[in-house]
Amino acid sequence: MADRCCSSKGSELERLAVQADQRRVLVAVLAINAAMFVIEFGAGVIAGSTALMADAADMLGDALVYGVSLYALTRSDRWKAGAALLKGIVILLLGLGILIDVAVKLRTGVPPSSALMIAFGALALVANLVCLRLLWRFRRHDLNMSSTFECSRNDVISNTGVLLAGGAVAMLQSPWPDIVVGSIIAAMFLRSAFRVAADAAPAMRANRA
């Protein structure tokens, strides 16, 4: 009887310790993404870069996503599935917003500042690699953390695209690399949104049942 009691307490303490670790990681990546949104979006406005502003919008979306993840962390599986679904909706809206910005850029056609794109794209890449490293061990822990890891992984891909676009703009003196990368980031957002929603919806239905 005592052995079973101690075992039960040990399992509960282990569960709480894991949740505390998750909370610390989520707070850290939330702070990183919120700070980088302000820095990168300001640089994107000054540079006139669709890709840089899209990447910054991704940072804002992630900060909101991590906030939702923190809220759902100690709640039921249904809450976690709902949080994951909300993340999918946020990602979808960001993707649509970027497509609108791409359409506006197609009308103006002014090349952005490649130097600012490369400098701040590199800074964002470093920040997101740190976030990815922090989230790595939780990537398969539950649906909530899995969808959070998915967001961070997408960020690294987006940052790489911004750097490639900055280099192409410098060589070609054309806005098209910026427009193309912005469109790709939007498509990636939409794909990720549907994937996260497809994973979350069945979990919500199962937990409701």
C-alpha atoms as a PDB file:
ATOM      1  CA  MET A   1       0.000   0.000   0.000  1.00  0.00           C
ATOM      2  CA  ALA A   2       2.799   2.411   0.966  1.00  0.00           C
ATOM      3  CA  ASP A   3       4.712   1.435  -2.173  1.00  0.00           C
ATOM      4  CA  ARG A   4       1.690   2.233  -4.357  1.00  0.00           C
ATOM      5  CA  CYS A   5       1.201   5.561  -2.555  1.00  0.00           C
ATOM      6  CA  CYS A   6       4.849   6.562  -2.995  1.00  0.00           C
ATOM      7  CA  SER A   7       4.751   5.499  -6.619  1.00  0.00           C
ATOM      8  CA  SER A   8       1.635   7.594  -7.205  1.00  0.00           C
ATOM      9  CA  LYS A   9       3.203  10.633  -5.563  1.00  0.00           C
ATOM     10  CA  GLY A  10       6.395  10.144  -7.551  1.00  0.00           C
ATOM     11  CA  SER A  11       4.456  10.048 -10.835  1.00  0.00           C
ATOM     12  CA  GLU A  12       2.531  13.197  -9.911  1.00  0.00           C
ATOM     13  CA  LEU A  13       5.716  15.055  -8.967  1.00  0.00           C
ATOM     14  CA  GLU A  14       7.327  13.969 -12.226  1.00  0.00           C
ATOM     15  CA  ARG A  15       4.295  15.237 -14.185  1.00  0.00           C
ATOM     16  CA  LEU A  16       4.370  18.605 -12.396  1.00  0.00           C
ATOM     17  CA  ALA A  17       8.124  18.921 -12.962  1.00  0.00           C
ATOM     18  CA  VAL A  18       7.656  18.369 -16.686  1.00  0.00           C
ATOM     19  CA  GLN A  19       4.886  20.984 -16.788  1.00  0.00           C
ATOM     20  CA  ALA A  20       7.088  23.472 -14.929  1.00  0.00           C
ATOM     21  CA  ASP A  21       9.848  22.890 -17.486  1.00  0.00           C
ATOM     22  CA  GLN A  22       7.367  23.415 -20.315  1.00  0.00           C
ATOM     23  CA  ARG A  23       6.138  26.639 -18.732  1.00  0.00           C
ATOM     24  CA  ARG A  24       9.664  28.056 -18.400  1.00  0.00           C
ATOM     25  CA  VAL A  25      10.441  27.185 -22.022  1.00  0.00           C
ATOM     26  CA  LEU A  26       7.181  28.704 -23.298  1.00  0.00           C
ATOM     27  CA  VAL A  27       7.750  31.926 -21.323  1.00  0.00           C
ATOM     28  CA  ALA A  28      11.267  32.180 -22.775  1.00  0.00           C
ATOM     29  CA  VAL A  29      10.208  31.652 -26.394  1.00  0.00           C
ATOM     30  CA  LEU A  30       7.221  34.001 -25.949  1.00  0.00           C
ATOM     31  CA  ALA A  31       9.563  36.781 -24.774  1.00  0.00           C
ATOM     32  CA  ILE A  32      12.004  36.139 -27.637  1.00  0.00           C
ATOM     33  CA  ASN A  33       9.257  36.210 -30.277  1.00  0.00           C
ATOM     34  CA  ALA A  34       7.557  39.319 -28.873  1.00  0.00           C
ATOM     35  CA  ALA A  35      10.840  41.229 -28.836  1.00  0.00           C
ATOM     36  CA  MET A  36      11.796  40.056 -32.325  1.00  0.00           C
ATOM     37  CA  PHE A  37       8.391  41.066 -33.721  1.00  0.00           C
ATOM     38  CA  VAL A  38       8.971  44.683 -32.689  1.00  0.00           C
ATOM     39  CA  ILE A  39      12.543  44.701 -34.018  1.00  0.00           C
ATOM     40  CA  GLU A  40      11.928  42.843 -37.269  1.00  0.00           C
ATOM     41  CA  PHE A  41       8.651  44.514 -38.203  1.00  0.00           C
ATOM     42  CA  GLY A  42      10.205  47.944 -37.722  1.00  0.00           C
ATOM     43  CA  ALA A  43      13.118  46.877 -39.928  1.00  0.00           C
ATOM     44  CA  GLY A  44      10.667  45.506 -42.523  1.00  0.00           C
ATOM     45  CA  VAL A  45       8.768  48.808 -42.689  1.00  0.00           C
ATOM     46  CA  ILE A  46      12.008  50.778 -43.093  1.00  0.00           C
ATOM     47  CA  ALA A  47      13.390  48.314 -45.654  1.00  0.00           C
ATOM     48  CA  GLY A  48      10.101  48.070 -47.556  1.00  0.00           C
ATOM     49  CA  SER A  49      10.373  44.270 -47.439  1.00  0.00           C
ATOM     50  CA  THR A  50       7.273  42.083 -47.681  1.00  0.00           C
ATOM     51  CA  ALA A  51       9.251  39.001 -46.663  1.00  0.00           C
ATOM     52  CA  LEU A  52      10.728  40.706 -43.599  1.00  0.00           C
ATOM     53  CA  MET A  53       7.348  42.011 -42.437  1.00  0.00           C
ATOM     54  CA  ALA A  54       5.803  38.595 -43.080  1.00  0.00           C
ATOM     55  CA  ASP A  55       8.501  36.997 -40.970  1.00  0.00           C
ATOM     56  CA  ALA A  56       7.855  39.565 -38.219  1.00  0.00           C
ATOM     57  CA  ALA A  57       4.114  38.859 -38.378  1.00  0.00           C
ATOM     58  CA  ASP A  58       5.017  35.223 -37.882  1.00  0.00           C
ATOM     59  CA  MET A  59       6.888  36.233 -34.717  1.00  0.00           C
ATOM     60  CA  LEU A  60       3.773  38.032 -33.416  1.00  0.00           C
ATOM     61  CA  GLY A  61       1.615  35.038 -34.241  1.00  0.00           C
ATOM     62  CA  ASP A  62       4.012  32.777 -32.381  1.00  0.00           C
ATOM     63  CA  ALA A  63       4.003  35.029 -29.318  1.00  0.00           C
ATOM     64  CA  LEU A  64       0.206  34.742 -29.253  1.00  0.00           C
ATOM     65  CA  VAL A  65       0.447  31.000 -29.852  1.00  0.00           C
ATOM     66  CA  TYR A  66       2.862  30.514 -26.958  1.00  0.00           C
ATOM     67  CA  GLY A  67       0.563  32.549 -24.719  1.00  0.00           C
ATOM     68  CA  VAL A  68      -2.313  30.219 -25.605  1.00  0.00           C
ATOM     69  CA  SER A  69      -0.047  27.217 -25.000  1.00  0.00           C
ATOM     70  CA  LEU A  70       0.796  28.514 -21.538  1.00  0.00           C
ATOM     71  CA  TYR A  71      -2.912  28.889 -20.761  1.00  0.00           C
ATOM     72  CA  ALA A  72      -3.657  25.318 -21.879  1.00  0.00           C
ATOM     73  CA  LEU A  73      -0.577  23.728 -20.315  1.00  0.00           C
ATOM     74  CA  THR A  74      -2.187  22.478 -17.096  1.00  0.00           C
ATOM     75  CA  ARG A  75      -5.646  21.926 -18.540  1.00  0.00           C
ATOM     76  CA  SER A  76      -7.374  18.878 -19.992  1.00  0.00           C
ATOM     77  CA  ASP A  77      -6.620  17.236 -23.333  1.00  0.00           C
ATOM     78  CA  ARG A  78      -9.740  18.877 -24.744  1.00  0.00           C
ATOM     79  CA  TRP A  79      -8.428  22.313 -23.753  1.00  0.00           C
ATOM     80  CA  LYS A  80      -5.078  21.473 -25.336  1.00  0.00           C
ATOM     81  CA  ALA A  81      -6.787  20.397 -28.537  1.00  0.00           C
ATOM     82  CA  GLY A  82      -8.774  23.651 -28.504  1.00  0.00           C
ATOM     83  CA  ALA A  83      -5.564  25.635 -28.018  1.00  0.00           C
ATOM     84  CA  ALA A  84      -3.981  23.837 -30.962  1.00  0.00           C
ATOM     85  CA  LEU A  85      -7.056  24.627 -33.094  1.00  0.00           C
ATOM     86  CA  LEU A  86      -6.822  28.303 -32.122  1.00  0.00           C
ATOM     87  CA  LYS A  87      -3.171  28.284 -33.195  1.00  0.00           C
ATOM     88  CA  GLY A  88      -4.249  26.938 -36.579  1.00  0.00           C
ATOM     89  CA  ILE A  89      -6.732  29.803 -36.975  1.00  0.00           C
ATOM     90  CA  VAL A  90      -4.080  32.398 -36.028  1.00  0.00           C
ATOM     91  CA  ILE A  91      -1.638  30.920 -38.543  1.00  0.00           C
ATOM     92  CA  LEU A  92      -4.354  30.928 -41.223  1.00  0.00           C
ATOM     93  CA  LEU A  93      -5.131  34.622 -40.658  1.00  0.00           C
ATOM     94  CA  LEU A  94      -1.436  35.499 -40.832  1.00  0.00           C
ATOM     95  CA  GLY A  95      -1.106  33.648 -44.119  1.00  0.00           C
ATOM     96  CA  LEU A  96      -4.057  35.514 -45.613  1.00  0.00           C
ATOM     97  CA  GLY A  97      -2.651  38.843 -44.359  1.00  0.00           C
ATOM     98  CA  ILE A  98       0.666  38.149 -46.060  1.00  0.00           C
ATOM     99  CA  LEU A  99      -1.084  37.342 -49.342  1.00  0.00           C
ATOM    100  CA  ILE A 100      -2.824  40.729 -49.177  1.00  0.00           C
ATOM    101  CA  ASP A 101       0.538  42.433 -48.585  1.00  0.00           C
ATOM    102  CA  VAL A 102       2.010  40.547 -51.555  1.00  0.00           C
ATOM    103  CA  ALA A 103      -0.828  41.809 -53.755  1.00  0.00           C
ATOM    104  CA  VAL A 104      -0.093  45.397 -52.662  1.00  0.00           C
ATOM    105  CA  LYS A 105       3.620  44.923 -53.364  1.00  0.00           C
ATOM    106  CA  LEU A 106       2.853  43.671 -56.868  1.00  0.00           C
ATOM    107  CA  ARG A 107       1.230  47.035 -57.614  1.00  0.00           C
ATOM    108  CA  THR A 108       4.131  49.150 -56.332  1.00  0.00           C
ATOM    109  CA  GLY A 109       7.137  47.088 -57.437  1.00  0.00           C
ATOM    110  CA  VAL A 110       9.786  48.985 -55.404  1.00  0.00           C
ATOM    111  CA  PRO A 111      12.853  46.846 -54.487  1.00  0.00           C
ATOM    112  CA  PRO A 112      13.427  46.588 -50.718  1.00  0.00           C
ATOM    113  CA  SER A 113      16.709  47.225 -48.907  1.00  0.00           C
ATOM    114  CA  SER A 114      18.666  43.990 -49.267  1.00  0.00           C
ATOM    115  CA  ALA A 115      21.165  44.966 -46.533  1.00  0.00           C
ATOM    116  CA  LEU A 116      18.410  45.345 -43.932  1.00  0.00           C
ATOM    117  CA  MET A 117      16.751  42.134 -45.101  1.00  0.00           C
ATOM    118  CA  ILE A 118      19.956  40.150 -44.633  1.00  0.00           C
ATOM    119  CA  ALA A 119      20.920  41.741 -41.301  1.00  0.00           C
ATOM    120  CA  PHE A 120      17.550  41.379 -39.593  1.00  0.00           C
ATOM    121  CA  GLY A 121      16.762  38.081 -41.295  1.00  0.00           C
ATOM    122  CA  ALA A 122      19.970  36.689 -39.776  1.00  0.00           C
ATOM    123  CA  LEU A 123      19.065  38.072 -36.347  1.00  0.00           C
ATOM    124  CA  ALA A 124      15.621  36.480 -36.553  1.00  0.00           C
ATOM    125  CA  LEU A 125      17.155  33.171 -37.624  1.00  0.00           C
ATOM    126  CA  VAL A 126      19.425  33.097 -34.575  1.00  0.00           C
ATOM    127  CA  ALA A 127      16.470  33.912 -32.297  1.00  0.00           C
ATOM    128  CA  ASN A 128      14.331  31.150 -33.776  1.00  0.00           C
ATOM    129  CA  LEU A 129      17.115  28.571 -33.632  1.00  0.00           C
ATOM    130  CA  VAL A 130      17.331  29.302 -29.904  1.00  0.00           C
ATOM    131  CA  CYS A 131      13.549  28.808 -29.608  1.00  0.00           C
ATOM    132  CA  LEU A 132      13.708  25.573 -31.604  1.00  0.00           C
ATOM    133  CA  ARG A 133      16.464  24.251 -29.369  1.00  0.00           C
ATOM    134  CA  LEU A 134      14.429  25.063 -26.255  1.00  0.00           C
ATOM    135  CA  LEU A 135      11.315  23.343 -27.615  1.00  0.00           C
ATOM    136  CA  TRP A 136      13.050  20.289 -29.094  1.00  0.00           C
ATOM    137  CA  ARG A 137      12.639  17.884 -26.169  1.00  0.00           C
ATOM    138  CA  PHE A 138       8.916  18.676 -25.877  1.00  0.00           C
ATOM    139  CA  ARG A 139       8.107  18.271 -29.581  1.00  0.00           C
ATOM    140  CA  ARG A 140       6.228  14.965 -29.068  1.00  0.00           C
ATOM    141  CA  HIS A 141       4.998  15.509 -25.511  1.00  0.00           C
ATOM    142  CA  ASP A 142       1.362  16.326 -26.370  1.00  0.00           C
ATOM    143  CA  LEU A 143      -0.718  17.990 -29.085  1.00  0.00           C
ATOM    144  CA  ASN A 144      -0.271  21.428 -27.522  1.00  0.00           C
ATOM    145  CA  MET A 145       3.534  21.276 -27.448  1.00  0.00           C
ATOM    146  CA  SER A 146       3.707  19.503 -30.804  1.00  0.00           C
ATOM    147  CA  SER A 147       1.828  22.318 -32.537  1.00  0.00           C
ATOM    148  CA  THR A 148       4.038  24.854 -30.740  1.00  0.00           C
ATOM    149  CA  PHE A 149       7.147  23.114 -32.054  1.00  0.00           C
ATOM    150  CA  GLU A 150       5.609  23.149 -35.534  1.00  0.00           C
ATOM    151  CA  CYS A 151       5.317  26.948 -35.373  1.00  0.00           C
ATOM    152  CA  SER A 152       8.953  27.347 -34.336  1.00  0.00           C
ATOM    153  CA  ARG A 153      10.195  25.016 -37.063  1.00  0.00           C
ATOM    154  CA  ASN A 154       8.287  27.004 -39.667  1.00  0.00           C
ATOM    155  CA  ASP A 155       9.977  30.167 -38.391  1.00  0.00           C
ATOM    156  CA  VAL A 156      13.449  28.797 -39.101  1.00  0.00           C
ATOM    157  CA  ILE A 157      12.390  27.959 -42.659  1.00  0.00           C
ATOM    158  CA  SER A 158      10.912  31.452 -43.090  1.00  0.00           C
ATOM    159  CA  ASN A 159      14.092  33.113 -41.808  1.00  0.00           C
ATOM    160  CA  THR A 160      16.195  31.153 -44.274  1.00  0.00           C
ATOM    161  CA  GLY A 161      13.881  32.273 -47.061  1.00  0.00           C
ATOM    162  CA  VAL A 162      14.251  35.920 -46.030  1.00  0.00           C
ATOM    163  CA  LEU A 163      18.048  35.622 -46.169  1.00  0.00           C
ATOM    164  CA  LEU A 164      17.917  34.034 -49.620  1.00  0.00           C
ATOM    165  CA  ALA A 165      15.525  36.745 -50.806  1.00  0.00           C
ATOM    166  CA  GLY A 166      17.815  39.473 -49.464  1.00  0.00           C
ATOM    167  CA  GLY A 167      20.744  38.031 -51.379  1.00  0.00           C
ATOM    168  CA  ALA A 168      18.682  37.741 -54.571  1.00  0.00           C
ATOM    169  CA  VAL A 169      17.389  41.319 -54.254  1.00  0.00           C
ATOM    170  CA  ALA A 170      20.985  42.548 -53.877  1.00  0.00           C
ATOM    171  CA  MET A 171      22.069  40.720 -57.032  1.00  0.00           C
ATOM    172  CA  LEU A 172      19.041  41.438 -59.222  1.00  0.00           C
ATOM    173  CA  GLN A 173      17.922  44.830 -57.867  1.00  0.00           C
ATOM    174  CA  SER A 174      14.370  43.571 -58.234  1.00  0.00           C
ATOM    175  CA  PRO A 175      11.414  43.265 -55.829  1.00  0.00           C
ATOM    176  CA  TRP A 176      10.499  39.825 -57.174  1.00  0.00           C
ATOM    177  CA  PRO A 177      12.637  37.711 -54.801  1.00  0.00           C
ATOM    178  CA  ASP A 178      11.001  39.521 -51.867  1.00  0.00           C
ATOM    179  CA  ILE A 179       7.541  38.974 -53.356  1.00  0.00           C
ATOM    180  CA  VAL A 180       8.196  35.305 -54.110  1.00  0.00           C
ATOM    181  CA  VAL A 181       9.520  34.555 -50.608  1.00  0.00           C
ATOM    182  CA  GLY A 182       6.602  36.435 -49.039  1.00  0.00           C
ATOM    183  CA  SER A 183       4.219  34.284 -51.088  1.00  0.00           C
ATOM    184  CA  ILE A 184       6.021  31.097 -50.058  1.00  0.00           C
ATOM    185  CA  ILE A 185       5.816  32.081 -46.391  1.00  0.00           C
ATOM    186  CA  ALA A 186       2.080  32.693 -46.835  1.00  0.00           C
ATOM    187  CA  ALA A 187       1.639  29.274 -48.471  1.00  0.00           C
ATOM    188  CA  MET A 188       3.598  27.668 -45.650  1.00  0.00           C
ATOM    189  CA  PHE A 189       1.348  29.375 -43.093  1.00  0.00           C
ATOM    190  CA  LEU A 190      -1.759  28.070 -44.837  1.00  0.00           C
ATOM    191  CA  ARG A 191      -0.366  24.522 -45.031  1.00  0.00           C
ATOM    192  CA  SER A 192       0.624  24.578 -41.370  1.00  0.00           C
ATOM    193  CA  ALA A 193      -2.775  26.000 -40.369  1.00  0.00           C
ATOM    194  CA  PHE A 194      -4.653  23.169 -42.057  1.00  0.00           C
ATOM    195  CA  ARG A 195      -2.268  20.572 -40.630  1.00  0.00           C
ATOM    196  CA  VAL A 196      -2.634  21.832 -37.057  1.00  0.00           C
ATOM    197  CA  ALA A 197      -6.414  22.091 -37.413  1.00  0.00           C
ATOM    198  CA  ALA A 198      -6.619  18.589 -38.915  1.00  0.00           C
ATOM    199  CA  ASP A 199      -4.758  17.185 -35.896  1.00  0.00           C
ATOM    200  CA  ALA A 200      -6.726  19.172 -33.326  1.00  0.00           C
ATOM    201  CA  ALA A 201     -10.288  18.675 -34.579  1.00  0.00           C
ATOM    202  CA  PRO A 202     -10.420  14.851 -34.093  1.00  0.00           C
ATOM    203  CA  ALA A 203      -8.861  15.213 -30.632  1.00  0.00           C
ATOM    204  CA  MET A 204     -11.554  17.712 -29.645  1.00  0.00           C
ATOM    205  CA  ARG A 205     -14.295  15.412 -30.884  1.00  0.00           C
ATOM    206  CA  ALA A 206     -12.790  12.413 -29.077  1.00  0.00           C
ATOM    207  CA  ASN A 207     -12.491  14.285 -25.779  1.00  0.00           C
ATOM    208  CA  ARG A 208     -16.033  15.647 -26.115  1.00  0.00           C
ATOM    209  CA  ALA A 209     -17.272  12.085 -26.524  1.00  0.00           C
END
